[in-house]
Amino acid sequence: MQIVPRHERGALVLAVTGDLDIDNVAPLGAALENASLEGTGPVVVDLSDVSFADSTTVNVLLQGQTALGPRLRLAAPSVFMERLIGVLGLDSALPVFPSVAEAIDPGLPG
């Protein structure tokens, strides 16, 4: 698992790659916690390159939502993540956008 942070149009984008599970998801939790302490813009988790995620990951995302509120946005979920989000109904708790661009500014077309 790898997280590459970047700033884009006033948002912090966390591009996550690989498998997310109990053994390696802690850095994502730390990145979300740090983001809650800094800045005021959107925090977008780019899920396009996530190949696997377990319940620990879902918990970390929900904790991030508690810390960041509406600033936290999930974007561009991979096929696996799209299925997981749908099965768990996670999109009822967290905003999910089809692209990073739309997550940064929901008023603009992707």
N, C-alpha and C. Protein backbone atom coordinates (compact mmCIF):
# COMPACT_ATOMS: atom_id res chain seq x y z
N MET A 1 0.84 -1.17 0.00
CA MET A 1 0.00 0.00 0.00
C MET A 1 0.88 1.23 0.00
N GLN A 2 0.47 2.20 -0.78
CA GLN A 2 1.21 3.45 -0.87
C GLN A 2 0.22 4.60 -0.92
N ILE A 3 0.58 5.71 -0.28
CA ILE A 3 -0.23 6.93 -0.32
C ILE A 3 0.65 8.04 -0.86
N VAL A 4 0.16 8.68 -1.92
CA VAL A 4 0.89 9.82 -2.49
C VAL A 4 -0.01 11.04 -2.34
N PRO A 5 0.37 11.96 -1.43
CA PRO A 5 -0.43 13.18 -1.26
C PRO A 5 -0.04 14.23 -2.28
N ARG A 6 -1.02 15.01 -2.70
CA ARG A 6 -0.75 16.15 -3.57
C ARG A 6 -1.83 17.20 -3.32
N HIS A 7 -1.50 18.43 -3.61
CA HIS A 7 -2.47 19.51 -3.50
C HIS A 7 -2.94 19.86 -4.89
N GLU A 8 -4.25 19.96 -5.03
CA GLU A 8 -4.84 20.26 -6.34
C GLU A 8 -6.04 21.16 -6.15
N ARG A 9 -5.99 22.36 -6.71
CA ARG A 9 -7.10 23.31 -6.68
C ARG A 9 -7.71 23.48 -5.28
N GLY A 10 -6.85 23.64 -4.29
CA GLY A 10 -7.30 23.90 -2.93
C GLY A 10 -7.67 22.67 -2.12
N ALA A 11 -7.50 21.50 -2.71
CA ALA A 11 -7.83 20.25 -2.02
C ALA A 11 -6.57 19.44 -1.77
N LEU A 12 -6.60 18.64 -0.73
CA LEU A 12 -5.57 17.64 -0.50
C LEU A 12 -6.08 16.35 -1.09
N VAL A 13 -5.34 15.80 -2.05
CA VAL A 13 -5.70 14.53 -2.68
C VAL A 13 -4.74 13.47 -2.17
N LEU A 14 -5.29 12.40 -1.63
CA LEU A 14 -4.50 11.26 -1.17
C LEU A 14 -4.72 10.12 -2.16
N ALA A 15 -3.75 9.91 -3.04
CA ALA A 15 -3.85 8.83 -4.03
C ALA A 15 -3.35 7.54 -3.37
N VAL A 16 -4.26 6.60 -3.20
CA VAL A 16 -3.95 5.34 -2.51
C VAL A 16 -3.81 4.24 -3.54
N THR A 17 -2.76 3.43 -3.38
CA THR A 17 -2.46 2.36 -4.33
C THR A 17 -2.25 1.05 -3.59
N GLY A 18 -2.76 -0.04 -4.16
CA GLY A 18 -2.47 -1.38 -3.63
C GLY A 18 -3.57 -1.92 -2.75
N ASP A 19 -3.18 -2.87 -1.89
CA ASP A 19 -4.09 -3.53 -0.97
C ASP A 19 -4.10 -2.80 0.37
N LEU A 20 -5.30 -2.58 0.90
CA LEU A 20 -5.45 -1.95 2.22
C LEU A 20 -6.03 -2.99 3.17
N ASP A 21 -5.28 -3.30 4.21
CA ASP A 21 -5.78 -4.25 5.18
C ASP A 21 -5.27 -3.91 6.57
N ILE A 22 -5.61 -4.74 7.53
CA ILE A 22 -5.29 -4.47 8.93
C ILE A 22 -3.79 -4.25 9.15
N ASP A 23 -2.96 -4.86 8.32
CA ASP A 23 -1.52 -4.77 8.50
C ASP A 23 -0.91 -3.46 7.98
N ASN A 24 -1.61 -2.76 7.09
CA ASN A 24 -0.96 -1.60 6.49
C ASN A 24 -1.84 -0.35 6.32
N VAL A 25 -3.03 -0.33 6.87
CA VAL A 25 -3.92 0.80 6.65
C VAL A 25 -3.67 1.96 7.62
N ALA A 26 -2.85 1.76 8.64
CA ALA A 26 -2.59 2.81 9.63
C ALA A 26 -2.10 4.13 9.01
N PRO A 27 -1.21 4.10 7.99
CA PRO A 27 -0.79 5.38 7.40
C PRO A 27 -1.94 6.19 6.78
N LEU A 28 -2.94 5.51 6.26
CA LEU A 28 -4.10 6.23 5.73
C LEU A 28 -4.83 6.92 6.87
N GLY A 29 -5.01 6.22 7.98
CA GLY A 29 -5.64 6.83 9.15
C GLY A 29 -4.86 8.03 9.64
N ALA A 30 -3.54 7.91 9.67
CA ALA A 30 -2.69 9.03 10.11
C ALA A 30 -2.81 10.20 9.15
N ALA A 31 -2.83 9.92 7.84
CA ALA A 31 -2.96 11.00 6.85
C ALA A 31 -4.28 11.73 7.00
N LEU A 32 -5.36 11.00 7.26
CA LEU A 32 -6.67 11.63 7.44
C LEU A 32 -6.70 12.44 8.74
N GLU A 33 -6.10 11.90 9.78
CA GLU A 33 -6.04 12.63 11.05
C GLU A 33 -5.24 13.92 10.89
N ASN A 34 -4.09 13.84 10.23
CA ASN A 34 -3.28 15.04 9.99
C ASN A 34 -4.05 16.06 9.17
N ALA A 35 -4.78 15.59 8.17
CA ALA A 35 -5.56 16.50 7.33
C ALA A 35 -6.63 17.21 8.14
N SER A 36 -7.17 16.54 9.16
CA SER A 36 -8.21 17.18 9.98
C SER A 36 -7.64 18.31 10.82
N LEU A 37 -6.33 18.27 11.06
CA LEU A 37 -5.68 19.29 11.88
C LEU A 37 -5.13 20.45 11.05
N GLU A 38 -5.03 20.26 9.75
CA GLU A 38 -4.45 21.25 8.86
C GLU A 38 -5.42 21.58 7.74
N GLY A 39 -5.48 22.82 7.38
CA GLY A 39 -6.26 23.22 6.22
C GLY A 39 -7.75 23.18 6.44
N THR A 40 -8.46 23.67 5.43
CA THR A 40 -9.91 23.72 5.51
C THR A 40 -10.58 23.21 4.23
N GLY A 41 -9.78 22.89 3.22
CA GLY A 41 -10.34 22.46 1.95
C GLY A 41 -10.71 20.99 1.95
N PRO A 42 -11.24 20.54 0.84
CA PRO A 42 -11.62 19.14 0.71
C PRO A 42 -10.41 18.21 0.86
N VAL A 43 -10.68 17.03 1.38
CA VAL A 43 -9.69 15.96 1.46
C VAL A 43 -10.26 14.81 0.64
N VAL A 44 -9.62 14.55 -0.49
CA VAL A 44 -10.12 13.57 -1.45
C VAL A 44 -9.24 12.33 -1.40
N VAL A 45 -9.87 11.18 -1.16
CA VAL A 45 -9.15 9.91 -1.18
C VAL A 45 -9.40 9.27 -2.54
N ASP A 46 -8.36 9.25 -3.36
CA ASP A 46 -8.43 8.68 -4.70
C ASP A 46 -8.26 7.17 -4.58
N LEU A 47 -9.34 6.44 -4.85
CA LEU A 47 -9.37 4.98 -4.68
C LEU A 47 -9.21 4.23 -6.00
N SER A 48 -8.79 4.90 -7.04
CA SER A 48 -8.76 4.28 -8.37
C SER A 48 -7.78 3.13 -8.49
N ASP A 49 -6.73 3.12 -7.66
CA ASP A 49 -5.73 2.05 -7.74
C ASP A 49 -5.73 1.14 -6.52
N VAL A 50 -6.84 1.07 -5.82
CA VAL A 50 -6.96 0.16 -4.67
C VAL A 50 -7.49 -1.18 -5.18
N SER A 51 -6.73 -2.23 -4.94
CA SER A 51 -7.12 -3.55 -5.43
C SER A 51 -7.82 -4.40 -4.39
N PHE A 52 -7.68 -4.05 -3.10
CA PHE A 52 -8.32 -4.80 -2.03
C PHE A 52 -8.44 -3.90 -0.81
N ALA A 53 -9.51 -4.06 -0.06
CA ALA A 53 -9.67 -3.35 1.22
C ALA A 53 -10.51 -4.24 2.13
N ASP A 54 -10.17 -4.21 3.42
CA ASP A 54 -10.93 -5.01 4.38
C ASP A 54 -11.73 -4.11 5.30
N SER A 55 -12.36 -4.70 6.30
CA SER A 55 -13.22 -3.94 7.20
C SER A 55 -12.44 -2.90 8.00
N THR A 56 -11.16 -3.15 8.23
CA THR A 56 -10.33 -2.16 8.93
C THR A 56 -10.26 -0.87 8.12
N THR A 57 -10.15 -1.02 6.82
CA THR A 57 -10.10 0.15 5.93
C THR A 57 -11.40 0.94 6.00
N VAL A 58 -12.51 0.23 5.98
CA VAL A 58 -13.82 0.90 6.09
C VAL A 58 -13.88 1.67 7.40
N ASN A 59 -13.41 1.06 8.48
CA ASN A 59 -13.40 1.73 9.77
C ASN A 59 -12.54 2.99 9.74
N VAL A 60 -11.37 2.91 9.11
CA VAL A 60 -10.48 4.08 9.00
C VAL A 60 -11.17 5.20 8.22
N LEU A 61 -11.85 4.86 7.15
CA LEU A 61 -12.56 5.87 6.36
C LEU A 61 -13.69 6.51 7.18
N LEU A 62 -14.41 5.70 7.94
CA LEU A 62 -15.48 6.25 8.77
C LEU A 62 -14.93 7.11 9.89
N GLN A 63 -13.79 6.74 10.46
CA GLN A 63 -13.14 7.58 11.46
C GLN A 63 -12.68 8.90 10.83
N GLY A 64 -12.21 8.81 9.58
CA GLY A 64 -11.83 10.02 8.85
C GLY A 64 -13.02 10.94 8.65
N GLN A 65 -14.16 10.36 8.37
CA GLN A 65 -15.37 11.14 8.19
C GLN A 65 -15.76 11.82 9.50
N THR A 66 -15.56 11.14 10.61
CA THR A 66 -15.85 11.73 11.91
C THR A 66 -14.93 12.93 12.15
N ALA A 67 -13.66 12.80 11.79
CA ALA A 67 -12.69 13.87 12.01
C ALA A 67 -12.85 15.02 11.02
N LEU A 68 -13.16 14.69 9.76
CA LEU A 68 -13.17 15.70 8.71
C LEU A 68 -14.56 16.19 8.32
N GLY A 69 -15.58 15.43 8.65
CA GLY A 69 -16.93 15.80 8.26
C GLY A 69 -17.07 15.85 6.75
N PRO A 70 -17.80 16.84 6.24
CA PRO A 70 -18.06 16.91 4.80
C PRO A 70 -16.82 17.21 3.96
N ARG A 71 -15.70 17.52 4.61
CA ARG A 71 -14.46 17.75 3.84
C ARG A 71 -13.96 16.45 3.21
N LEU A 72 -14.27 15.29 3.81
CA LEU A 72 -13.77 14.01 3.30
C LEU A 72 -14.64 13.54 2.14
N ARG A 73 -13.96 13.20 1.05
CA ARG A 73 -14.66 12.73 -0.15
C ARG A 73 -13.89 11.57 -0.74
N LEU A 74 -14.60 10.53 -1.14
CA LEU A 74 -13.98 9.40 -1.82
C LEU A 74 -14.15 9.62 -3.32
N ALA A 75 -13.13 9.24 -4.09
CA ALA A 75 -13.18 9.52 -5.52
C ALA A 75 -12.67 8.35 -6.34
N ALA A 76 -13.23 8.21 -7.52
CA ALA A 76 -12.78 7.29 -8.56
C ALA A 76 -12.54 5.88 -8.03
N PRO A 77 -13.54 5.28 -7.35
CA PRO A 77 -13.30 3.96 -6.79
C PRO A 77 -13.00 2.92 -7.87
N SER A 78 -12.03 2.07 -7.57
CA SER A 78 -11.73 0.94 -8.45
C SER A 78 -12.94 0.01 -8.48
N VAL A 79 -12.92 -0.96 -9.36
CA VAL A 79 -14.03 -1.91 -9.45
C VAL A 79 -14.24 -2.60 -8.10
N PHE A 80 -13.15 -3.01 -7.46
CA PHE A 80 -13.26 -3.66 -6.16
C PHE A 80 -13.90 -2.71 -5.14
N MET A 81 -13.39 -1.48 -5.07
CA MET A 81 -13.90 -0.53 -4.08
C MET A 81 -15.34 -0.14 -4.39
N GLU A 82 -15.68 -0.02 -5.65
CA GLU A 82 -17.05 0.30 -6.02
C GLU A 82 -18.00 -0.78 -5.50
N ARG A 83 -17.61 -2.03 -5.67
CA ARG A 83 -18.41 -3.16 -5.20
C ARG A 83 -18.51 -3.13 -3.66
N LEU A 84 -17.38 -2.91 -2.98
CA LEU A 84 -17.37 -2.87 -1.52
C LEU A 84 -18.26 -1.73 -1.00
N ILE A 85 -18.12 -0.56 -1.58
CA ILE A 85 -18.93 0.59 -1.18
C ILE A 85 -20.41 0.29 -1.37
N GLY A 86 -20.75 -0.32 -2.50
CA GLY A 86 -22.14 -0.65 -2.77
C GLY A 86 -22.71 -1.69 -1.82
N VAL A 87 -21.96 -2.75 -1.57
CA VAL A 87 -22.43 -3.83 -0.70
C VAL A 87 -22.65 -3.33 0.72
N LEU A 88 -21.73 -2.49 1.19
CA LEU A 88 -21.82 -1.99 2.57
C LEU A 88 -22.71 -0.76 2.71
N GLY A 89 -23.10 -0.16 1.59
CA GLY A 89 -23.87 1.07 1.64
C GLY A 89 -23.06 2.23 2.18
N LEU A 90 -21.75 2.16 1.99
CA LEU A 90 -20.85 3.19 2.51
C LEU A 90 -21.13 4.56 1.90
N ASP A 91 -21.70 4.55 0.70
CA ASP A 91 -22.01 5.83 0.04
C ASP A 91 -23.15 6.58 0.73
N SER A 92 -23.82 5.94 1.67
CA SER A 92 -24.83 6.67 2.45
C SER A 92 -24.18 7.44 3.60
N ALA A 93 -22.95 7.07 3.95
CA ALA A 93 -22.23 7.75 5.04
C ALA A 93 -21.16 8.69 4.52
N LEU A 94 -20.60 8.38 3.35
CA LEU A 94 -19.50 9.16 2.78
C LEU A 94 -19.84 9.54 1.35
N PRO A 95 -19.51 10.77 0.96
CA PRO A 95 -19.74 11.14 -0.44
C PRO A 95 -18.73 10.44 -1.35
N VAL A 96 -19.23 9.84 -2.41
CA VAL A 96 -18.39 9.13 -3.38
C VAL A 96 -18.61 9.78 -4.74
N PHE A 97 -17.50 10.15 -5.38
CA PHE A 97 -17.56 10.83 -6.67
C PHE A 97 -16.87 9.97 -7.73
N PRO A 98 -17.33 10.04 -8.97
CA PRO A 98 -16.74 9.22 -10.03
C PRO A 98 -15.32 9.63 -10.42
N SER A 99 -14.92 10.87 -10.10
CA SER A 99 -13.58 11.32 -10.45
C SER A 99 -13.03 12.24 -9.36
N VAL A 100 -11.73 12.40 -9.36
CA VAL A 100 -11.08 13.31 -8.41
C VAL A 100 -11.54 14.74 -8.69
N ALA A 101 -11.62 15.12 -9.96
CA ALA A 101 -12.03 16.48 -10.31
C ALA A 101 -13.41 16.80 -9.75
N GLU A 102 -14.34 15.87 -9.87
CA GLU A 102 -15.70 16.09 -9.35
C GLU A 102 -15.73 16.12 -7.83
N ALA A 103 -14.85 15.36 -7.20
CA ALA A 103 -14.77 15.37 -5.74
C ALA A 103 -14.22 16.71 -5.23
N ILE A 104 -13.25 17.26 -5.96
CA ILE A 104 -12.69 18.55 -5.56
C ILE A 104 -13.73 19.65 -5.70
N ASP A 105 -14.43 19.66 -6.80
CA ASP A 105 -15.44 20.68 -7.05
C ASP A 105 -16.68 20.02 -7.65
N PRO A 106 -17.61 19.60 -6.80
CA PRO A 106 -18.79 18.88 -7.30
C PRO A 106 -19.63 19.68 -8.30
N GLY A 107 -19.43 20.98 -8.38
CA GLY A 107 -20.19 21.79 -9.33
C GLY A 107 -19.67 21.74 -10.75
N LEU A 108 -18.46 21.22 -10.92
CA LEU A 108 -17.86 21.14 -12.25
C LEU A 108 -18.05 19.76 -12.84
N PRO A 109 -18.24 19.68 -14.15
CA PRO A 109 -18.30 18.35 -14.78
C PRO A 109 -16.93 17.68 -14.71
N GLY A 110 -16.93 16.34 -14.55
CA GLY A 110 -15.70 15.57 -14.41
C GLY A 110 -14.86 15.59 -15.61
